[in-house]
Amino acid sequence: MPKICQNAKNNYESSFMMFKKIYIFGLGMMGASLAKAIRYKKISNKIYGYDINKKNLFYAKKNNIINELESNNYEHLSESDFIILCTPISAYKSSMNIINKYKKDDAIITDIGSTKESIDILSKKIFENHNDIFIGSHPLTGKEISSITNSDKDIFNNQIVLLTPNTSTKKSLINKVTRFWKSLGCKTRIIGAKLHDDILSITSHLPHLVSFALVKIILNKKYISKIEEYTGGGFRDFARLAHSDAKMWEDICSNNPKNIVSSLDKIITELNLLKSNIKNKKFKKLANYFNQTKLKLEKK
């Protein structure tokens, strides 16, 4: 599989019953949003779900997000054609072991995790026929508030989903999972797991960490009571990222530390350069820095 991103084939119809039974393993905001979208698009006859949080399970059943609650012996998991892992990444090992124990032999499995290389390694250890049944997915969408009550069937519309097969993944598996995401209205791209984690550390992980840091600085200041009065839309848009789920970001950092540290080093270098130019009153160099950055962005 090439290291660069590629468009996955776009010759699939969206109006069809893809799977008889789909299983959502993890019913937080993203898992419940998936279930709602699957139901709305009529991609499956039955949508089953499991969550360690019983309140999420009962909420999902009461609000018709899923058809049936899982039983103690995972009978719905054992009859499902397509399984989507939507738990926190820290729960992947235990979740994959349960899936491996109860799944059908020919069940297809994907996930929605924000890091990919560690998940690929883990899935190879757990699923014996990994290349026939598992492919990683990462929908580039979501909301800062992670509760099931904030789930939304429309968050996948026109959004990109990154698929991370390895060189031995069966083409038929790639096509089936691609077809699923396209049926939800998504655009798909294929990328290697290692490159995925490198790129996302810059484009997603770093902005979130900087947002956390910036908000922490603001909240430590004595003028905290004036934030609403003295800040504009730019700050609010950037600070919005700091509302993200703390556990999710702990998991992301623990599963992609090398790339994230490298990205932090890069931005620290740039900030030190800005600091030096301002401190030493080299404002022409500062203006040149701003202009070069703007021109590169406009040429993109």
Protein backbone atom coordinates (compact mmCIF):
# COMPACT_ATOMS: atom_id res chain seq x y z
CA MET A 1 0.00 0.00 0.00
CA PRO A 2 1.55 3.37 -0.95
CA LYS A 3 2.46 5.71 1.90
CA ILE A 4 0.75 8.72 0.35
CA CYS A 5 -2.96 9.33 0.72
CA GLN A 6 -5.09 8.00 -2.11
CA ASN A 7 -8.72 8.43 -3.02
CA ALA A 8 -10.57 5.18 -2.37
CA LYS A 9 -12.78 4.09 -5.25
CA ASN A 10 -15.94 6.13 -5.57
CA ASN A 11 -18.25 3.88 -7.56
CA TYR A 12 -20.65 2.75 -4.88
CA GLU A 13 -24.34 3.39 -4.51
CA SER A 14 -25.55 4.59 -1.13
CA SER A 15 -29.14 3.36 -1.11
CA PHE A 16 -28.94 -0.33 -0.26
CA MET A 17 -29.01 -2.69 2.71
CA MET A 18 -25.29 -3.36 3.18
CA PHE A 19 -25.37 -5.55 6.29
CA LYS A 20 -28.17 -7.48 7.93
CA LYS A 21 -26.82 -6.83 11.42
CA ILE A 22 -24.40 -4.13 12.56
CA TYR A 23 -22.88 -3.98 16.04
CA ILE A 24 -21.71 -0.73 17.66
CA PHE A 25 -19.22 -1.56 20.43
CA GLY A 26 -19.25 1.62 22.51
CA LEU A 27 -22.19 4.04 22.62
CA GLY A 28 -20.66 7.39 23.39
CA MET A 29 -21.30 10.41 21.20
CA MET A 30 -19.53 8.94 18.15
CA GLY A 31 -20.90 5.41 18.47
CA ALA A 32 -24.46 6.63 18.95
CA SER A 33 -24.07 9.08 16.05
CA LEU A 34 -23.00 6.17 13.86
CA ALA A 35 -26.00 4.11 14.94
CA LYS A 36 -28.34 7.02 14.15
CA ALA A 37 -26.75 7.56 10.73
CA ILE A 38 -26.91 3.85 9.90
CA ARG A 39 -30.59 3.73 10.84
CA TYR A 40 -31.40 6.92 8.90
CA LYS A 41 -29.59 5.68 5.77
CA LYS A 42 -31.19 2.21 6.11
CA ILE A 43 -27.85 0.43 5.80
CA SER A 44 -28.82 -2.45 8.11
CA ASN A 45 -31.87 -4.39 9.26
CA LYS A 46 -30.68 -4.54 12.85
CA ILE A 47 -28.41 -2.29 14.89
CA TYR A 48 -27.07 -3.79 18.09
CA GLY A 49 -25.03 -1.99 20.70
CA TYR A 50 -22.96 -2.42 23.82
CA ASP A 51 -21.51 0.02 26.31
CA ILE A 52 -19.95 -0.52 29.71
CA ASN A 53 -22.04 2.43 30.90
CA LYS A 54 -25.52 1.03 31.50
CA LYS A 55 -27.07 4.51 31.32
CA ASN A 56 -25.81 4.82 27.75
CA LEU A 57 -27.27 1.42 26.88
CA PHE A 58 -30.72 2.18 28.24
CA TYR A 59 -30.71 5.66 26.70
CA ALA A 60 -29.83 4.15 23.31
CA LYS A 61 -32.64 1.60 23.53
CA LYS A 62 -35.22 4.05 24.89
CA ASN A 63 -34.48 6.54 22.10
CA ASN A 64 -34.42 3.91 19.32
CA ILE A 65 -30.73 4.47 18.59
CA ILE A 66 -30.23 0.70 18.64
CA ASN A 67 -32.69 -2.16 18.12
CA GLU A 68 -31.57 -4.38 20.98
CA LEU A 69 -29.43 -4.27 24.10
CA GLU A 70 -26.63 -6.81 24.30
CA SER A 71 -27.21 -9.87 26.48
CA ASN A 72 -24.73 -11.24 29.02
CA ASN A 73 -23.51 -13.92 26.61
CA TYR A 74 -22.97 -11.53 23.67
CA GLU A 75 -25.46 -13.34 21.45
CA HIS A 76 -26.00 -10.25 19.28
CA LEU A 77 -22.27 -9.82 18.79
CA SER A 78 -22.00 -13.43 17.66
CA GLU A 79 -24.60 -12.93 14.91
CA SER A 80 -23.47 -9.52 13.60
CA ASP A 81 -22.00 -9.08 10.12
CA PHE A 82 -20.20 -5.78 10.73
CA ILE A 83 -18.68 -4.64 14.04
CA ILE A 84 -17.56 -1.05 14.67
CA LEU A 85 -15.32 -0.46 17.68
CA CYS A 86 -16.17 2.93 19.22
CA THR A 87 -14.77 2.70 22.75
CA PRO A 88 -11.93 4.84 24.14
CA ILE A 89 -8.60 3.58 22.77
CA SER A 90 -7.54 2.51 26.28
CA ALA A 91 -10.38 -0.04 26.20
CA TYR A 92 -9.44 -1.48 22.79
CA LYS A 93 -7.49 -4.48 24.09
CA SER A 94 -10.28 -5.78 26.31
CA SER A 95 -12.91 -4.91 23.69
CA MET A 96 -11.02 -6.65 20.89
CA ASN A 97 -10.60 -9.75 23.04
CA ILE A 98 -14.37 -9.89 23.61
CA ILE A 99 -15.03 -9.35 19.91
CA ASN A 100 -12.52 -12.05 18.96
CA LYS A 101 -14.14 -14.53 21.34
CA TYR A 102 -17.75 -14.06 20.23
CA LYS A 103 -17.70 -12.79 16.64
CA LYS A 104 -18.73 -14.76 13.58
CA ASP A 105 -15.80 -16.12 11.55
CA ASP A 106 -16.63 -13.89 8.58
CA ALA A 107 -17.60 -10.74 10.52
CA ILE A 108 -15.93 -7.53 9.33
CA ILE A 109 -14.43 -5.25 11.98
CA THR A 110 -13.40 -1.60 11.89
CA ASP A 111 -12.91 1.17 14.45
CA ILE A 112 -13.03 4.96 14.70
CA GLY A 113 -9.89 5.63 16.76
CA SER A 114 -7.85 8.83 16.37
CA THR A 115 -4.48 7.03 16.32
CA LYS A 116 -3.76 4.07 14.10
CA GLU A 117 -0.31 2.46 14.31
CA SER A 118 -0.71 1.07 17.85
CA ILE A 119 -4.23 -0.13 17.00
CA ASP A 120 -2.94 -1.92 13.89
CA ILE A 121 -0.27 -3.68 15.96
CA LEU A 122 -2.80 -4.66 18.64
CA SER A 123 -5.36 -5.98 16.15
CA LYS A 124 -2.72 -8.18 14.50
CA LYS A 125 -1.97 -9.77 17.87
CA ILE A 126 -5.61 -10.45 18.71
CA PHE A 127 -7.28 -11.33 15.40
CA GLU A 128 -5.72 -14.41 13.84
CA ASN A 129 -7.02 -13.63 10.35
CA HIS A 130 -6.42 -9.89 10.77
CA ASN A 131 -5.90 -9.11 7.07
CA ASP A 132 -9.22 -10.73 6.16
CA ILE A 133 -11.46 -9.07 8.74
CA PHE A 134 -10.00 -5.86 10.25
CA ILE A 135 -9.23 -2.45 8.80
CA GLY A 136 -8.79 0.75 10.77
CA SER A 137 -10.99 3.80 10.12
CA HIS A 138 -10.74 7.37 11.37
CA PRO A 139 -13.67 9.68 10.62
CA LEU A 140 -12.39 13.26 10.69
CA THR A 141 -15.45 14.56 12.46
CA GLY A 142 -16.89 14.82 15.93
CA LYS A 143 -18.03 17.17 18.67
CA GLU A 144 -16.32 18.48 21.77
CA ILE A 145 -19.13 17.26 24.06
CA SER A 146 -18.80 13.49 24.16
CA SER A 147 -22.11 12.45 25.75
CA ILE A 148 -24.54 10.12 23.98
CA THR A 149 -27.17 12.84 24.43
CA ASN A 150 -25.12 14.98 22.05
CA SER A 151 -25.08 12.33 19.30
CA ASP A 152 -26.01 13.49 15.80
CA LYS A 153 -26.80 11.46 12.69
CA ASP A 154 -25.56 14.24 10.39
CA ILE A 155 -21.95 14.60 11.59
CA PHE A 156 -20.66 12.21 8.90
CA ASN A 157 -22.17 14.06 5.93
CA ASN A 158 -19.42 15.10 3.49
CA GLN A 159 -16.71 14.29 6.04
CA ILE A 160 -13.44 12.50 5.26
CA VAL A 161 -12.76 9.05 6.69
CA LEU A 162 -9.17 7.81 6.64
CA LEU A 163 -8.77 4.07 6.08
CA THR A 164 -5.50 2.46 7.21
CA PRO A 165 -5.03 -0.96 5.61
CA ASN A 166 -1.60 -2.59 5.60
CA THR A 167 0.13 -4.10 2.59
CA SER A 168 -1.51 -7.49 3.19
CA THR A 169 -5.09 -6.32 3.76
CA LYS A 170 -7.49 -7.97 1.34
CA LYS A 171 -8.75 -5.65 -1.38
CA SER A 172 -12.28 -6.99 -0.93
CA LEU A 173 -12.18 -5.91 2.73
CA ILE A 174 -11.00 -2.42 1.80
CA ASN A 175 -13.81 -2.15 -0.74
CA LYS A 176 -16.51 -3.28 1.72
CA VAL A 177 -15.47 -0.85 4.45
CA THR A 178 -15.06 1.94 1.89
CA ARG A 179 -18.54 1.17 0.63
CA PHE A 180 -19.95 1.41 4.14
CA TRP A 181 -18.51 4.86 4.82
CA LYS A 182 -19.58 6.17 1.44
CA SER A 183 -23.11 4.96 2.13
CA LEU A 184 -23.10 7.36 5.11
CA GLY A 185 -22.17 10.25 2.82
CA CYS A 186 -18.47 10.24 3.67
CA LYS A 187 -15.44 10.70 1.44
CA THR A 188 -12.72 8.11 1.98
CA ARG A 189 -8.94 8.23 1.73
CA ILE A 190 -6.41 5.44 2.12
CA ILE A 191 -3.26 6.11 4.13
CA GLY A 192 -0.69 4.02 5.98
CA ALA A 193 -1.13 3.83 9.77
CA LYS A 194 2.34 5.24 10.46
CA LEU A 195 1.88 8.21 8.13
CA HIS A 196 -1.59 8.78 9.57
CA ASP A 197 -0.20 9.22 13.07
CA ASP A 198 2.57 11.51 11.83
CA ILE A 199 0.21 13.82 9.91
CA LEU A 200 -2.57 13.85 12.52
CA SER A 201 -0.08 14.77 15.25
CA ILE A 202 0.36 18.09 13.41
CA THR A 203 -3.12 18.70 11.99
CA SER A 204 -5.24 17.53 14.93
CA HIS A 205 -3.34 16.53 18.06
CA LEU A 206 -1.11 19.62 18.25
CA PRO A 207 -3.93 22.19 17.81
CA HIS A 208 -5.89 20.54 20.61
CA LEU A 209 -2.89 20.53 22.96
CA VAL A 210 -2.11 24.17 22.19
CA SER A 211 -5.76 25.02 22.87
CA PHE A 212 -5.60 23.30 26.26
CA ALA A 213 -2.40 25.23 27.08
CA LEU A 214 -3.78 28.59 25.95
CA VAL A 215 -7.00 28.19 27.91
CA LYS A 216 -5.01 27.14 30.99
CA ILE A 217 -2.98 30.37 30.74
CA ILE A 218 -6.13 32.47 30.43
CA LEU A 219 -7.84 30.70 33.33
CA ASN A 220 -4.84 31.37 35.58
CA LYS A 221 -5.02 35.12 35.06
CA LYS A 222 -6.75 37.54 37.41
CA TYR A 223 -8.80 38.97 34.54
CA ILE A 224 -10.62 35.67 33.98
CA SER A 225 -13.95 37.39 34.70
CA LYS A 226 -13.43 39.60 31.64
CA ILE A 227 -12.88 36.80 29.10
CA GLU A 228 -16.31 37.03 27.52
CA GLU A 229 -16.16 40.80 27.31
CA TYR A 230 -12.64 41.10 25.90
CA THR A 231 -12.34 38.15 23.50
CA GLY A 232 -13.51 37.79 19.93
CA GLY A 233 -14.55 34.94 17.69
CA GLY A 234 -11.00 33.84 16.93
CA PHE A 235 -10.26 33.03 20.55
CA ARG A 236 -13.62 31.33 21.06
CA ASP A 237 -13.13 29.14 17.97
CA PHE A 238 -9.67 28.10 19.13
CA ALA A 239 -10.63 27.65 22.80
CA ARG A 240 -13.54 25.42 21.74
CA LEU A 241 -11.06 22.56 21.30
CA ALA A 242 -10.26 22.65 25.02
CA HIS A 243 -13.79 21.40 25.74
CA SER A 244 -12.79 18.01 24.31
CA ASP A 245 -12.99 14.86 26.41
CA ALA A 246 -9.96 14.57 28.73
CA LYS A 247 -9.85 10.76 28.68
CA MET A 248 -9.88 10.69 24.89
CA TRP A 249 -6.91 13.03 24.74
CA GLU A 250 -5.03 11.08 27.38
CA ASP A 251 -5.48 8.01 25.16
CA ILE A 252 -4.37 9.85 22.02
CA CYS A 253 -1.20 11.14 23.70
CA SER A 254 -0.34 7.75 25.18
CA ASN A 255 -0.79 6.04 21.79
CA ASN A 256 1.08 8.57 19.64
CA PRO A 257 3.74 10.05 21.97
CA LYS A 258 6.71 10.13 19.59
CA ASN A 259 4.90 12.07 16.86
CA ILE A 260 3.18 14.40 19.31
CA VAL A 261 6.44 15.26 21.09
CA SER A 262 8.04 15.93 17.70
CA SER A 263 5.16 18.24 16.77
CA LEU A 264 5.42 20.06 20.09
CA ASP A 265 9.16 20.54 19.51
CA LYS A 266 8.42 22.09 16.12
CA ILE A 267 5.93 24.61 17.43
CA ILE A 268 8.19 25.47 20.38
CA THR A 269 10.95 26.24 17.86
CA GLU A 270 8.62 28.55 15.93
CA LEU A 271 7.38 30.26 19.09
CA ASN A 272 10.95 30.81 20.26
CA LEU A 273 11.76 32.40 16.90
CA LEU A 274 8.78 34.74 17.24
CA LYS A 275 9.77 35.52 20.81
CA SER A 276 13.35 36.29 19.81
CA ASN A 277 12.32 38.65 17.00
CA ILE A 278 9.92 40.53 19.26
CA LYS A 279 12.33 40.67 22.19
CA ASN A 280 15.16 41.96 19.98
CA LYS A 281 12.87 44.37 18.13
CA LYS A 282 13.45 42.72 14.76
CA PHE A 283 10.03 43.68 13.50
CA LYS A 284 10.93 43.55 9.79
CA LYS A 285 11.96 39.92 10.25
CA LEU A 286 8.69 39.38 12.08
CA ALA A 287 6.68 40.89 9.22
CA ASN A 288 8.62 38.76 6.74
CA TYR A 289 7.79 35.66 8.81
CA PHE A 290 4.08 36.53 8.72
CA ASN A 291 4.13 37.28 4.97
CA GLN A 292 5.99 34.10 4.04
CA THR A 293 3.55 32.01 6.05
CA LYS A 294 0.57 33.75 4.46
CA LEU A 295 1.97 33.33 0.92
CA LYS A 296 2.65 29.63 1.43
CA LEU A 297 -0.88 29.16 2.68
CA GLU A 298 -2.39 31.05 -0.26
CA LYS A 299 -0.36 29.04 -2.80
CA LYS A 300 -1.56 25.75 -1.34
